[in-house]
Amino acid sequence: MNRRSFFQTFGAVLGAATILPLLARAEGRRGGSTAAAGAAKLVDPKDPQAKAVNYVHVNTEVKDKALTADRSGVKHKDQKCKNCVFYNGAEVTVDGKKAASCQMPFASGKVVAAEGWCSSWAKKG
């Protein structure tokens, strides 16, 4: 990982850590439920916010080879939403894919595929 991608990832994680508690509180006040609990819908990789973080439904579909670097000692082939710190909630099956909610703002109200990947991926501790 080069310095630029480190700071981009760090900035995304820091931003998410700042805004997510606020979003969770707002969701709780509205009395809403998570996307995984109801009629779940997968994030569309063509959505502008998903494109901004290079989201794909299957981690092998990443087109930019510069993004396929090892992170936190994990090879890219093993970096999947299901082992990312932002992937949480009960898994559901949507369009034949196992999926769950993601704490990243690009997935707000939708779920991400367990086998998916985005450039905000961070190793689950």
Foldseek 3Di string as FASTA:
>chain_A
DDPVLVVVLVVQVVVLVVCLVVVVVVCVVVVHDALQVPVADEQDCPPPLNVVFQKDQAQVPRDPVVLQPDDPNHGSNPQFLLQFQQFDDDWDADPNFTWGCGSRPSQVRHIGGRNMDTSNGDGRD
